[in-house]
Amino acid sequence: MIKQLLCRWGGEEFVVWFPEESIPDSLAESIRCAVKELPIVDEKGNTLNVTISIGIARGSDQDDMHDLIDIADEHLYKAKASGRDCVVS
């Protein structure tokens, strides 16, 4: 069984999968803050302000992975609609 998985899911979306763990919202919030604080510089030397929006879905072993991804995607779009740079679970 897969323990953890990180993969790109579409153009600018990523999936982090923890099938056997309950990840607290505070961890997602810590990741969001860490990304916001990263010093990102483009090829011209301009400092970029990068933020992320995070949608979280939780389930059990009986839940279908695709259903959970759909839920996380809905939460991601709610985060984006709420002004971005936030976590919705």
Protein backbone atom coordinates (compact mmCIF):
# COMPACT_ATOMS: atom_id res chain seq x y z
CA MET A 1 0.00 0.00 0.00
CA ILE A 2 1.15 3.53 -0.76
CA LYS A 3 2.33 5.33 2.40
CA GLN A 4 2.54 8.84 1.01
CA LEU A 5 2.41 10.36 -2.45
CA LEU A 6 3.15 13.75 -3.93
CA CYS A 7 2.32 14.34 -7.58
CA ARG A 8 1.39 17.06 -10.02
CA TRP A 9 -2.32 17.07 -10.80
CA GLY A 10 -3.03 19.39 -13.69
CA GLY A 11 -1.28 22.61 -14.60
CA GLU A 12 -0.69 24.26 -11.24
CA GLU A 13 -2.23 21.73 -8.88
CA PHE A 14 -0.57 19.07 -6.76
CA VAL A 15 -1.91 16.18 -4.71
CA VAL A 16 -0.37 15.16 -1.42
CA TRP A 17 -1.79 11.81 -0.35
CA PHE A 18 -1.50 10.47 3.20
CA PRO A 19 -3.74 7.37 3.16
CA GLU A 20 -2.95 6.16 6.67
CA GLU A 21 -2.59 9.43 8.57
CA SER A 22 -4.79 12.24 9.71
CA ILE A 23 -3.04 15.47 8.79
CA PRO A 24 -4.12 18.44 10.88
CA ASP A 25 -5.14 21.70 9.21
CA SER A 26 -2.29 23.34 11.11
CA LEU A 27 0.23 21.40 8.99
CA ALA A 28 -1.39 22.64 5.79
CA GLU A 29 -1.38 26.16 7.25
CA SER A 30 2.33 25.83 8.07
CA ILE A 31 3.04 24.76 4.49
CA ARG A 32 1.01 27.69 3.16
CA CYS A 33 2.95 30.15 5.33
CA ALA A 34 6.32 28.60 4.42
CA VAL A 35 5.61 28.97 0.70
CA LYS A 36 4.55 32.58 1.19
CA GLU A 37 7.87 33.33 2.94
CA LEU A 38 10.08 31.65 0.32
CA PRO A 39 12.38 34.08 -1.46
CA ILE A 40 11.37 33.42 -5.09
CA VAL A 41 13.34 35.34 -7.71
CA ASP A 42 12.66 35.19 -11.45
CA GLU A 43 15.24 35.12 -14.24
CA LYS A 44 15.36 38.95 -14.31
CA GLY A 45 16.09 39.22 -10.59
CA ASN A 46 12.58 40.33 -9.63
CA THR A 47 11.30 39.07 -6.28
CA LEU A 48 7.97 37.32 -6.68
CA ASN A 49 5.22 37.01 -4.10
CA VAL A 50 4.04 33.41 -4.33
CA THR A 51 1.06 32.09 -2.41
CA ILE A 52 -0.84 28.82 -2.43
CA SER A 53 -4.41 27.80 -1.78
CA ILE A 54 -5.00 24.39 -0.21
CA GLY A 55 -8.08 22.17 -0.28
CA ILE A 56 -8.19 19.25 2.14
CA ALA A 57 -10.32 16.10 2.06
CA ARG A 58 -10.38 13.44 4.75
CA GLY A 59 -11.77 9.94 4.53
CA SER A 60 -11.37 6.34 5.54
CA ASP A 61 -10.01 3.22 3.91
CA GLN A 62 -13.47 2.61 2.48
CA ASP A 63 -13.57 5.93 0.59
CA ASP A 64 -12.73 6.04 -3.08
CA MET A 65 -9.55 8.01 -3.83
CA HIS A 66 -11.21 9.76 -6.78
CA ASP A 67 -14.10 10.91 -4.57
CA LEU A 68 -11.64 12.33 -2.04
CA ILE A 69 -9.74 14.15 -4.79
CA ASP A 70 -13.05 15.63 -5.99
CA ILE A 71 -13.77 16.86 -2.45
CA ALA A 72 -10.28 18.32 -2.09
CA ASP A 73 -10.73 20.03 -5.47
CA GLU A 74 -14.04 21.56 -4.32
CA HIS A 75 -12.29 22.85 -1.19
CA LEU A 76 -9.44 24.21 -3.30
CA TYR A 77 -11.88 26.22 -5.43
CA LYS A 78 -13.57 27.51 -2.26
CA ALA A 79 -10.14 28.65 -1.05
CA LYS A 80 -9.53 30.42 -4.36
CA ALA A 81 -12.99 32.04 -4.25
CA SER A 82 -12.29 33.23 -0.69
CA GLY A 83 -9.42 35.39 -1.85
CA ARG A 84 -6.72 32.74 -2.28
CA ASP A 85 -3.75 32.09 0.01
CA CYS A 86 -5.77 30.04 2.51
CA VAL A 87 -6.65 26.50 3.60
CA VAL A 88 -10.15 25.03 3.33
CA SER A 89 -11.07 21.62 4.74
